[in-house]
């Protein structure tokens, strides 16, 4: 079984991936930018309503979604709420739709 983990470079995602790997579970670590030496890491770029998750989800049986836009102490976005919704709502919806389409 291969488990895909979005947000694999984040606080929760890193811990989850380490736990899965320690238990012998194959993981595909999905990140925004290549950042680690993970054996099976896929960078998807920015997360939003246009994100193409197809390559990242190819060949996985289970998806755990940990990627999110979380609190930023000095948020550079002009409209932080709109940016939050683009990532956490529209990006998650896109992920769910593509995961469902891929079975």
PDB file of N, CA and C in Angstrom:
ATOM      1  N   UNK A   1       0.844  -1.178   0.000  1.00  0.00           N
ATOM      2  CA  UNK A   1       0.000   0.000   0.000  1.00  0.00           C
ATOM      3  C   UNK A   1       0.886   1.238   0.000  1.00  0.00           C
ATOM      4  N   UNK A   2       0.519   2.216  -0.806  1.00  0.00           N
ATOM      5  CA  UNK A   2       1.222   3.489  -0.812  1.00  0.00           C
ATOM      6  C   UNK A   2       0.257   4.574  -0.340  1.00  0.00           C
ATOM      7  N   UNK A   3       0.712   5.381   0.609  1.00  0.00           N
ATOM      8  CA  UNK A   3      -0.088   6.461   1.170  1.00  0.00           C
ATOM      9  C   UNK A   3       0.504   7.786   0.714  1.00  0.00           C
ATOM     10  N   UNK A   4      -0.321   8.644   0.119  1.00  0.00           N
ATOM     11  CA  UNK A   4       0.105   9.987  -0.256  1.00  0.00           C
ATOM     12  C   UNK A   4      -0.208  10.929   0.895  1.00  0.00           C
ATOM     13  N   UNK A   5       0.753  11.781   1.238  1.00  0.00           N
ATOM     14  CA  UNK A   5       0.576  12.748   2.312  1.00  0.00           C
ATOM     15  C   UNK A   5       0.849  14.135   1.758  1.00  0.00           C
ATOM     16  N   UNK A   6      -0.206  14.973   1.697  1.00  0.00           N
ATOM     17  CA  UNK A   6       0.010  16.359   1.303  1.00  0.00           C
ATOM     18  C   UNK A   6       0.549  17.112   2.517  1.00  0.00           C
ATOM     19  N   UNK A   7       1.301  18.163   2.261  1.00  0.00           N
ATOM     20  CA  UNK A   7       1.883  18.915   3.366  1.00  0.00           C
ATOM     21  C   UNK A   7       2.965  18.137   4.085  1.00  0.00           C
ATOM     22  N   UNK A   8       3.647  17.256   3.363  1.00  0.00           N
ATOM     23  CA  UNK A   8       4.638  16.370   3.967  1.00  0.00           C
ATOM     24  C   UNK A   8       5.836  17.120   4.539  1.00  0.00           C
ATOM     25  N   UNK A   9       6.056  18.351   4.117  1.00  0.00           N
ATOM     26  CA  UNK A   9       7.177  19.131   4.648  1.00  0.00           C
ATOM     27  C   UNK A   9       6.775  19.945   5.867  1.00  0.00           C
ATOM     28  N   UNK A  10       5.493  19.947   6.194  1.00  0.00           N
ATOM     29  CA  UNK A  10       5.005  20.719   7.332  1.00  0.00           C
ATOM     30  C   UNK A  10       5.174  19.988   8.654  1.00  0.00           C
ATOM     31  N   UNK A  11       4.793  20.654   9.723  1.00  0.00           N
ATOM     32  CA  UNK A  11       4.953  20.133  11.077  1.00  0.00           C
ATOM     33  C   UNK A  11       4.246  18.787  11.250  1.00  0.00           C
ATOM     34  N   UNK A  12       2.964  18.722  10.919  1.00  0.00           N
ATOM     35  CA  UNK A  12       2.198  17.484  11.076  1.00  0.00           C
ATOM     36  C   UNK A  12       2.612  16.456  10.025  1.00  0.00           C
ATOM     37  N   UNK A  13       2.775  16.904   8.778  1.00  0.00           N
ATOM     38  CA  UNK A  13       3.117  15.998   7.692  1.00  0.00           C
ATOM     39  C   UNK A  13       4.439  15.279   7.900  1.00  0.00           C
ATOM     40  N   UNK A  14       5.446  15.994   8.382  1.00  0.00           N
ATOM     41  CA  UNK A  14       6.753  15.371   8.635  1.00  0.00           C
ATOM     42  C   UNK A  14       6.644  14.258   9.668  1.00  0.00           C
ATOM     43  N   UNK A  15       5.939  14.532  10.737  1.00  0.00           N
ATOM     44  CA  UNK A  15       5.783  13.545  11.796  1.00  0.00           C
ATOM     45  C   UNK A  15       4.984  12.337  11.310  1.00  0.00           C
ATOM     46  N   UNK A  16       3.921  12.601  10.559  1.00  0.00           N
ATOM     47  CA  UNK A  16       3.104  11.524  10.026  1.00  0.00           C
ATOM     48  C   UNK A  16       3.916  10.639   9.083  1.00  0.00           C
ATOM     49  N   UNK A  17       4.660  11.252   8.164  1.00  0.00           N
ATOM     50  CA  UNK A  17       5.469  10.475   7.216  1.00  0.00           C
ATOM     51  C   UNK A  17       6.506   9.628   7.943  1.00  0.00           C
ATOM     52  N   UNK A  18       7.146  10.202   8.952  1.00  0.00           N
ATOM     53  CA  UNK A  18       8.142   9.445   9.722  1.00  0.00           C
ATOM     54  C   UNK A  18       7.494   8.243  10.401  1.00  0.00           C
ATOM     55  N   UNK A  19       6.305   8.429  10.946  1.00  0.00           N
ATOM     56  CA  UNK A  19       5.593   7.333  11.611  1.00  0.00           C
ATOM     57  C   UNK A  19       5.206   6.250  10.615  1.00  0.00           C
ATOM     58  N   UNK A  20       4.675   6.663   9.465  1.00  0.00           N
ATOM     59  CA  UNK A  20       4.288   5.688   8.441  1.00  0.00           C
ATOM     60  C   UNK A  20       5.490   4.889   7.963  1.00  0.00           C
ATOM     61  N   UNK A  21       6.583   5.585   7.670  1.00  0.00           N
ATOM     62  CA  UNK A  21       7.784   4.909   7.193  1.00  0.00           C
ATOM     63  C   UNK A  21       8.346   3.960   8.246  1.00  0.00           C
ATOM     64  N   UNK A  22       8.303   4.367   9.513  1.00  0.00           N
ATOM     65  CA  UNK A  22       8.785   3.507  10.599  1.00  0.00           C
ATOM     66  C   UNK A  22       7.962   2.231  10.710  1.00  0.00           C
ATOM     67  N   UNK A  23       6.726   2.301  10.273  1.00  0.00           N
ATOM     68  CA  UNK A  23       5.839   1.125  10.300  1.00  0.00           C
ATOM     69  C   UNK A  23       5.880   0.341   8.989  1.00  0.00           C
ATOM     70  N   UNK A  24       6.786   0.729   8.107  1.00  0.00           N
ATOM     71  CA  UNK A  24       6.958   0.013   6.855  1.00  0.00           C
ATOM     72  C   UNK A  24       5.931   0.349   5.788  1.00  0.00           C
ATOM     73  N   UNK A  25       5.249   1.480   5.942  1.00  0.00           N
ATOM     74  CA  UNK A  25       4.225   1.888   4.973  1.00  0.00           C
ATOM     75  C   UNK A  25       4.860   2.840   3.969  1.00  0.00           C
ATOM     76  N   UNK A  26       4.740   2.508   2.697  1.00  0.00           N
ATOM     77  CA  UNK A  26       5.293   3.326   1.619  1.00  0.00           C
ATOM     78  C   UNK A  26       4.533   4.646   1.535  1.00  0.00           C
ATOM     79  N   UNK A  27       5.275   5.744   1.454  1.00  0.00           N
ATOM     80  CA  UNK A  27       4.630   7.055   1.372  1.00  0.00           C
ATOM     81  C   UNK A  27       5.056   7.807   0.122  1.00  0.00           C
ATOM     82  N   UNK A  28       4.134   8.579  -0.408  1.00  0.00           N
ATOM     83  CA  UNK A  28       4.446   9.574  -1.428  1.00  0.00           C
ATOM     84  C   UNK A  28       4.275  10.909  -0.736  1.00  0.00           C
ATOM     85  N   UNK A  29       5.372  11.619  -0.594  1.00  0.00           N
ATOM     86  CA  UNK A  29       5.354  12.892   0.117  1.00  0.00           C
ATOM     87  C   UNK A  29       5.071  14.010  -0.880  1.00  0.00           C
ATOM     88  N   UNK A  30       3.928  14.665  -0.710  1.00  0.00           N
ATOM     89  CA  UNK A  30       3.514  15.735  -1.612  1.00  0.00           C
ATOM     90  C   UNK A  30       3.808  17.075  -0.954  1.00  0.00           C
ATOM     91  N   UNK A  31       4.618  17.875  -1.642  1.00  0.00           N
ATOM     92  CA  UNK A  31       5.069  19.166  -1.121  1.00  0.00           C
ATOM     93  C   UNK A  31       4.861  20.242  -2.177  1.00  0.00           C
ATOM     94  N   UNK A  32       4.970  21.489  -1.780  1.00  0.00           N
ATOM     95  CA  UNK A  32       4.869  22.585  -2.758  1.00  0.00           C
ATOM     96  C   UNK A  32       6.155  22.705  -3.569  1.00  0.00           C
ATOM     97  N   UNK A  33       7.296  22.618  -2.866  1.00  0.00           N
ATOM     98  CA  UNK A  33       8.601  22.715  -3.523  1.00  0.00           C
ATOM     99  C   UNK A  33       9.473  21.560  -3.046  1.00  0.00           C
ATOM    100  N   UNK A  34      10.267  21.019  -3.967  1.00  0.00           N
ATOM    101  CA  UNK A  34      11.214  19.967  -3.581  1.00  0.00           C
ATOM    102  C   UNK A  34      12.053  20.493  -2.432  1.00  0.00           C
ATOM    103  N   UNK A  35      12.098  19.727  -1.354  1.00  0.00           N
ATOM    104  CA  UNK A  35      12.804  20.243  -0.192  1.00  0.00           C
ATOM    105  C   UNK A  35      13.576  19.183   0.577  1.00  0.00           C
ATOM    106  N   UNK A  36      13.304  17.930   0.327  1.00  0.00           N
ATOM    107  CA  UNK A  36      13.963  16.890   1.107  1.00  0.00           C
ATOM    108  C   UNK A  36      14.575  15.860   0.176  1.00  0.00           C
ATOM    109  N   UNK A  37      15.209  14.923   0.776  1.00  0.00           N
ATOM    110  CA  UNK A  37      15.795  13.825   0.010  1.00  0.00           C
ATOM    111  C   UNK A  37      14.864  12.615   0.039  1.00  0.00           C
ATOM    112  N   UNK A  38      13.569  12.858   0.208  1.00  0.00           N
ATOM    113  CA  UNK A  38      12.613  11.755   0.264  1.00  0.00           C
ATOM    114  C   UNK A  38      12.684  10.949  -1.027  1.00  0.00           C
ATOM    115  N   UNK A  39      12.580   9.659  -0.896  1.00  0.00           N
ATOM    116  CA  UNK A  39      12.643   8.770  -2.054  1.00  0.00           C
ATOM    117  C   UNK A  39      11.481   9.027  -3.004  1.00  0.00           C
ATOM    118  N   UNK A  40      10.291   9.211  -2.455  1.00  0.00           N
ATOM    119  CA  UNK A  40       9.098   9.388  -3.276  1.00  0.00           C
ATOM    120  C   UNK A  40       8.436  10.711  -2.913  1.00  0.00           C
ATOM    121  N   UNK A  41       8.991  11.796  -3.452  1.00  0.00           N
ATOM    122  CA  UNK A  41       8.501  13.138  -3.177  1.00  0.00           C
ATOM    123  C   UNK A  41       8.053  13.783  -4.487  1.00  0.00           C
ATOM    124  N   UNK A  42       6.880  14.414  -4.470  1.00  0.00           N
ATOM    125  CA  UNK A  42       6.360  15.101  -5.648  1.00  0.00           C
ATOM    126  C   UNK A  42       6.029  16.533  -5.260  1.00  0.00           C
ATOM    127  N   UNK A  43       6.552  17.482  -6.018  1.00  0.00           N
ATOM    128  CA  UNK A  43       6.244  18.893  -5.790  1.00  0.00           C
ATOM    129  C   UNK A  43       5.095  19.308  -6.700  1.00  0.00           C
ATOM    130  N   UNK A  44       4.066  19.935  -6.116  1.00  0.00           N
ATOM    131  CA  UNK A  44       2.899  20.359  -6.894  1.00  0.00           C
ATOM    132  C   UNK A  44       2.845  21.871  -7.097  1.00  0.00           C
ATOM    133  N   UNK A  45       3.764  22.608  -6.513  1.00  0.00           N
ATOM    134  CA  UNK A  45       3.723  24.059  -6.620  1.00  0.00           C
ATOM    135  C   UNK A  45       2.674  24.631  -5.683  1.00  0.00           C
ATOM    136  N   UNK A  46       2.117  25.765  -6.056  1.00  0.00           N
ATOM    137  CA  UNK A  46       1.091  26.380  -5.226  1.00  0.00           C
ATOM    138  C   UNK A  46      -0.168  25.530  -5.168  1.00  0.00           C
ATOM    139  N   UNK A  47      -0.874  25.639  -4.075  1.00  0.00           N
ATOM    140  CA  UNK A  47      -2.112  24.882  -3.895  1.00  0.00           C
ATOM    141  C   UNK A  47      -3.288  25.819  -4.096  1.00  0.00           C
ATOM    142  N   UNK A  48      -4.201  25.415  -4.977  1.00  0.00           N
ATOM    143  CA  UNK A  48      -5.372  26.232  -5.247  1.00  0.00           C
ATOM    144  C   UNK A  48      -6.315  25.521  -6.186  1.00  0.00           C
ATOM    145  N   UNK A  49      -7.263  26.257  -6.733  1.00  0.00           N
ATOM    146  CA  UNK A  49      -8.287  25.632  -7.579  1.00  0.00           C
ATOM    147  C   UNK A  49      -7.763  25.089  -8.901  1.00  0.00           C
ATOM    148  N   UNK A  50      -6.549  25.456  -9.314  1.00  0.00           N
ATOM    149  CA  UNK A  50      -5.986  24.951 -10.569  1.00  0.00           C
ATOM    150  C   UNK A  50      -4.892  23.916 -10.366  1.00  0.00           C
ATOM    151  N   UNK A  51      -4.592  23.567  -9.144  1.00  0.00           N
ATOM    152  CA  UNK A  51      -3.511  22.617  -8.888  1.00  0.00           C
ATOM    153  C   UNK A  51      -3.810  21.280  -9.555  1.00  0.00           C
ATOM    154  N   UNK A  52      -2.820  20.759 -10.262  1.00  0.00           N
ATOM    155  CA  UNK A  52      -2.962  19.453 -10.897  1.00  0.00           C
ATOM    156  C   UNK A  52      -2.309  18.420  -9.982  1.00  0.00           C
ATOM    157  N   UNK A  53      -3.130  17.594  -9.383  1.00  0.00           N
ATOM    158  CA  UNK A  53      -2.680  16.593  -8.435  1.00  0.00           C
ATOM    159  C   UNK A  53      -2.448  15.233  -9.092  1.00  0.00           C
ATOM    160  N   UNK A  54      -2.693  15.099 -10.393  1.00  0.00           N
ATOM    161  CA  UNK A  54      -2.707  13.792 -11.061  1.00  0.00           C
ATOM    162  C   UNK A  54      -1.408  13.009 -10.874  1.00  0.00           C
ATOM    163  N   UNK A  55      -0.276  13.627 -11.114  1.00  0.00           N
ATOM    164  CA  UNK A  55       1.010  12.912 -10.991  1.00  0.00           C
ATOM    165  C   UNK A  55       1.254  12.522  -9.533  1.00  0.00           C
ATOM    166  N   UNK A  56       0.939  13.422  -8.625  1.00  0.00           N
ATOM    167  CA  UNK A  56       1.158  13.145  -7.208  1.00  0.00           C
ATOM    168  C   UNK A  56       0.293  11.999  -6.704  1.00  0.00           C
ATOM    169  N   UNK A  57      -0.894  11.839  -7.272  1.00  0.00           N
ATOM    170  CA  UNK A  57      -1.821  10.810  -6.803  1.00  0.00           C
ATOM    171  C   UNK A  57      -1.713   9.496  -7.566  1.00  0.00           C
ATOM    172  N   UNK A  58      -0.959   9.484  -8.649  1.00  0.00           N
ATOM    173  CA  UNK A  58      -0.835   8.277  -9.458  1.00  0.00           C
ATOM    174  C   UNK A  58      -0.215   7.143  -8.645  1.00  0.00           C
ATOM    175  N   UNK A  59      -0.906   6.022  -8.589  1.00  0.00           N
ATOM    176  CA  UNK A  59      -0.363   4.836  -7.930  1.00  0.00           C
ATOM    177  C   UNK A  59      -0.521   4.795  -6.424  1.00  0.00           C
ATOM    178  N   UNK A  60      -1.302   5.702  -5.851  1.00  0.00           N
ATOM    179  CA  UNK A  60      -1.521   5.656  -4.399  1.00  0.00           C
ATOM    180  C   UNK A  60      -2.914   5.106  -4.106  1.00  0.00           C
ATOM    181  N   UNK A  61      -3.037   4.461  -2.959  1.00  0.00           N
ATOM    182  CA  UNK A  61      -4.328   3.901  -2.556  1.00  0.00           C
ATOM    183  C   UNK A  61      -5.015   4.734  -1.490  1.00  0.00           C
ATOM    184  N   UNK A  62      -4.224   5.475  -0.726  1.00  0.00           N
ATOM    185  CA  UNK A  62      -4.765   6.258   0.388  1.00  0.00           C
ATOM    186  C   UNK A  62      -4.179   7.649   0.345  1.00  0.00           C
ATOM    187  N   UNK A  63      -4.997   8.634   0.682  1.00  0.00           N
ATOM    188  CA  UNK A  63      -4.569  10.037   0.701  1.00  0.00           C
ATOM    189  C   UNK A  63      -4.841  10.616   2.074  1.00  0.00           C
ATOM    190  N   UNK A  64      -3.833  11.244   2.648  1.00  0.00           N
ATOM    191  CA  UNK A  64      -3.997  11.977   3.900  1.00  0.00           C
ATOM    192  C   UNK A  64      -3.623  13.424   3.604  1.00  0.00           C
ATOM    193  N   UNK A  65      -4.587  14.314   3.794  1.00  0.00           N
ATOM    194  CA  UNK A  65      -4.418  15.724   3.413  1.00  0.00           C
ATOM    195  C   UNK A  65      -4.042  16.569   4.623  1.00  0.00           C
ATOM    196  N   UNK A  66      -2.764  16.960   4.686  1.00  0.00           N
ATOM    197  CA  UNK A  66      -2.257  17.787   5.783  1.00  0.00           C
ATOM    198  C   UNK A  66      -1.854  19.184   5.312  1.00  0.00           C
ATOM    199  N   UNK A  67      -1.880  19.422   4.007  1.00  0.00           N
ATOM    200  CA  UNK A  67      -1.459  20.726   3.494  1.00  0.00           C
ATOM    201  C   UNK A  67      -2.535  21.766   3.780  1.00  0.00           C
ATOM    202  N   UNK A  68      -2.110  22.936   4.198  1.00  0.00           N
ATOM    203  CA  UNK A  68      -3.050  24.021   4.472  1.00  0.00           C
ATOM    204  C   UNK A  68      -2.299  25.331   4.605  1.00  0.00           C
ATOM    205  N   UNK A  69      -3.029  26.379   4.387  1.00  0.00           N
ATOM    206  CA  UNK A  69      -2.499  27.709   4.695  1.00  0.00           C
ATOM    207  C   UNK A  69      -2.887  27.968   6.145  1.00  0.00           C
ATOM    208  N   UNK A  70      -1.894  28.119   6.980  1.00  0.00           N
ATOM    209  CA  UNK A  70      -2.144  28.325   8.403  1.00  0.00           C
ATOM    210  C   UNK A  70      -1.717  29.725   8.802  1.00  0.00           C
ATOM    211  N   UNK A  71      -1.793  29.997  10.062  1.00  0.00           N
ATOM    212  CA  UNK A  71      -1.475  31.333  10.565  1.00  0.00           C
ATOM    213  C   UNK A  71      -0.101  31.807  10.084  1.00  0.00           C
ATOM    214  N   UNK A  72      -0.051  33.041   9.671  1.00  0.00           N
ATOM    215  CA  UNK A  72       1.220  33.677   9.308  1.00  0.00           C
ATOM    216  C   UNK A  72       1.343  34.931  10.158  1.00  0.00           C
ATOM    217  N   UNK A  73       2.451  35.082  10.841  1.00  0.00           N
ATOM    218  CA  UNK A  73       2.600  36.234  11.724  1.00  0.00           C
ATOM    219  C   UNK A  73       2.618  37.550  10.953  1.00  0.00           C
ATOM    220  N   UNK A  74       3.236  37.569   9.805  1.00  0.00           N
ATOM    221  CA  UNK A  74       3.267  38.759   8.953  1.00  0.00           C
ATOM    222  C   UNK A  74       2.772  38.347   7.575  1.00  0.00           C
ATOM    223  N   UNK A  75       1.470  38.207   7.426  1.00  0.00           N
ATOM    224  CA  UNK A  75       0.886  37.714   6.178  1.00  0.00           C
ATOM    225  C   UNK A  75       1.102  38.720   5.061  1.00  0.00           C
ATOM    226  N   UNK A  76       1.828  38.330   4.004  1.00  0.00           N
ATOM    227  CA  UNK A  76       2.107  39.257   2.903  1.00  0.00           C
ATOM    228  C   UNK A  76       0.950  39.386   1.912  1.00  0.00           C
ATOM    229  N   UNK A  77      -0.088  38.573   2.049  1.00  0.00           N
ATOM    230  CA  UNK A  77      -1.196  38.607   1.093  1.00  0.00           C
ATOM    231  C   UNK A  77      -1.981  39.904   1.214  1.00  0.00           C
ATOM    232  N   UNK A  78      -2.403  40.437   0.068  1.00  0.00           N
ATOM    233  CA  UNK A  78      -3.226  41.648   0.054  1.00  0.00           C
ATOM    234  C   UNK A  78      -4.564  41.363   0.719  1.00  0.00           C
ATOM    235  N   UNK A  79      -5.138  40.214   0.423  1.00  0.00           N
ATOM    236  CA  UNK A  79      -6.407  39.788   1.018  1.00  0.00           C
ATOM    237  C   UNK A  79      -6.201  38.407   1.630  1.00  0.00           C
ATOM    238  N   UNK A  80      -5.751  38.352   2.897  1.00  0.00           N
ATOM    239  CA  UNK A  80      -5.435  37.072   3.521  1.00  0.00           C
ATOM    240  C   UNK A  80      -6.611  36.088   3.546  1.00  0.00           C
ATOM    241  N   UNK A  81      -7.829  36.574   3.737  1.00  0.00           N
ATOM    242  CA  UNK A  81      -8.975  35.671   3.783  1.00  0.00           C
ATOM    243  C   UNK A  81      -9.209  35.010   2.422  1.00  0.00           C
ATOM    244  N   UNK A  82      -9.103  35.791   1.349  1.00  0.00           N
ATOM    245  CA  UNK A  82      -9.272  35.225   0.007  1.00  0.00           C
ATOM    246  C   UNK A  82      -8.178  34.212  -0.296  1.00  0.00           C
ATOM    247  N   UNK A  83      -6.957  34.496   0.108  1.00  0.00           N
ATOM    248  CA  UNK A  83      -5.847  33.579  -0.109  1.00  0.00           C
ATOM    249  C   UNK A  83      -6.053  32.301   0.703  1.00  0.00           C
ATOM    250  N   UNK A  84      -6.490  32.453   1.941  1.00  0.00           N
ATOM    251  CA  UNK A  84      -6.786  31.303   2.797  1.00  0.00           C
ATOM    252  C   UNK A  84      -7.841  30.417   2.134  1.00  0.00           C
ATOM    253  N   UNK A  85      -8.908  31.014   1.643  1.00  0.00           N
ATOM    254  CA  UNK A  85      -9.977  30.242   1.006  1.00  0.00           C
ATOM    255  C   UNK A  85      -9.518  29.585  -0.297  1.00  0.00           C
ATOM    256  N   UNK A  86      -8.674  30.267  -1.051  1.00  0.00           N
ATOM    257  CA  UNK A  86      -8.175  29.685  -2.312  1.00  0.00           C
ATOM    258  C   UNK A  86      -7.395  28.406  -2.042  1.00  0.00           C
ATOM    259  N   UNK A  87      -6.600  28.411  -0.988  1.00  0.00           N
ATOM    260  CA  UNK A  87      -5.790  27.234  -0.659  1.00  0.00           C
ATOM    261  C   UNK A  87      -6.613  26.187   0.081  1.00  0.00           C
ATOM    262  N   UNK A  88      -7.212  26.586   1.189  1.00  0.00           N
ATOM    263  CA  UNK A  88      -7.842  25.621   2.097  1.00  0.00           C
ATOM    264  C   UNK A  88      -9.213  25.142   1.649  1.00  0.00           C
ATOM    265  N   UNK A  89      -9.924  25.938   0.872  1.00  0.00           N
ATOM    266  CA  UNK A  89     -11.246  25.505   0.415  1.00  0.00           C
ATOM    267  C   UNK A  89     -11.163  25.034  -1.044  1.00  0.00           C
ATOM    268  N   UNK A  90     -10.795  25.938  -1.943  1.00  0.00           N
ATOM    269  CA  UNK A  90     -10.774  25.585  -3.370  1.00  0.00           C
ATOM    270  C   UNK A  90      -9.686  24.553  -3.680  1.00  0.00           C
ATOM    271  N   UNK A  91      -8.527  24.687  -3.058  1.00  0.00           N
ATOM    272  CA  UNK A  91      -7.450  23.721  -3.287  1.00  0.00           C
ATOM    273  C   UNK A  91      -7.799  22.335  -2.772  1.00  0.00           C
ATOM    274  N   UNK A  92      -8.443  22.288  -1.614  1.00  0.00           N
ATOM    275  CA  UNK A  92      -8.864  21.000  -1.051  1.00  0.00           C
ATOM    276  C   UNK A  92      -9.976  20.380  -1.890  1.00  0.00           C
ATOM    277  N   UNK A  93     -10.895  21.214  -2.369  1.00  0.00           N
ATOM    278  CA  UNK A  93     -11.966  20.703  -3.238  1.00  0.00           C
ATOM    279  C   UNK A  93     -11.373  20.095  -4.503  1.00  0.00           C
ATOM    280  N   UNK A  94     -10.414  20.785  -5.106  1.00  0.00           N
ATOM    281  CA  UNK A  94      -9.753  20.291  -6.320  1.00  0.00           C
ATOM    282  C   UNK A  94      -9.065  18.949  -6.050  1.00  0.00           C
ATOM    283  N   UNK A  95      -8.378  18.859  -4.918  1.00  0.00           N
ATOM    284  CA  UNK A  95      -7.713  17.618  -4.542  1.00  0.00           C
ATOM    285  C   UNK A  95      -8.723  16.480  -4.402  1.00  0.00           C
ATOM    286  N   UNK A  96      -9.824  16.744  -3.702  1.00  0.00           N
ATOM    287  CA  UNK A  96     -10.846  15.715  -3.507  1.00  0.00           C
ATOM    288  C   UNK A  96     -11.457  15.268  -4.835  1.00  0.00           C
ATOM    289  N   UNK A  97     -11.717  16.213  -5.712  1.00  0.00           N
ATOM    290  CA  UNK A  97     -12.293  15.870  -7.022  1.00  0.00           C
ATOM    291  C   UNK A  97     -11.343  15.009  -7.830  1.00  0.00           C
ATOM    292  N   UNK A  98     -10.057  15.385  -7.861  1.00  0.00           N
ATOM    293  CA  UNK A  98      -9.102  14.601  -8.645  1.00  0.00           C
ATOM    294  C   UNK A  98      -8.848  13.237  -8.011  1.00  0.00           C
ATOM    295  N   UNK A  99      -8.817  13.174  -6.700  1.00  0.00           N
ATOM    296  CA  UNK A  99      -8.624  11.882  -6.029  1.00  0.00           C
ATOM    297  C   UNK A  99      -9.801  10.962  -6.330  1.00  0.00           C
ATOM    298  N   UNK A 100     -11.000  11.500  -6.291  1.00  0.00           N
ATOM    299  CA  UNK A 100     -12.192  10.691  -6.597  1.00  0.00           C
ATOM    300  C   UNK A 100     -12.170  10.215  -8.046  1.00  0.00           C
ATOM    301  N   UNK A 101     -11.763  11.096  -8.936  1.00  0.00           N
ATOM    302  CA  UNK A 101     -11.718  10.729 -10.367  1.00  0.00           C
ATOM    303  C   UNK A 101     -10.696   9.624 -10.620  1.00  0.00           C
ATOM    304  N   UNK A 102      -9.623   9.604  -9.837  1.00  0.00           N
ATOM    305  CA  UNK A 102      -8.594   8.577  -9.992  1.00  0.00           C
ATOM    306  C   UNK A 102      -8.902   7.307  -9.208  1.00  0.00           C
ATOM    307  N   UNK A 103      -9.981   7.343  -8.467  1.00  0.00           N
ATOM    308  CA  UNK A 103     -10.408   6.147  -7.722  1.00  0.00           C
ATOM    309  C   UNK A 103      -9.721   5.997  -6.407  1.00  0.00           C
TER     310      UNK A 103
END
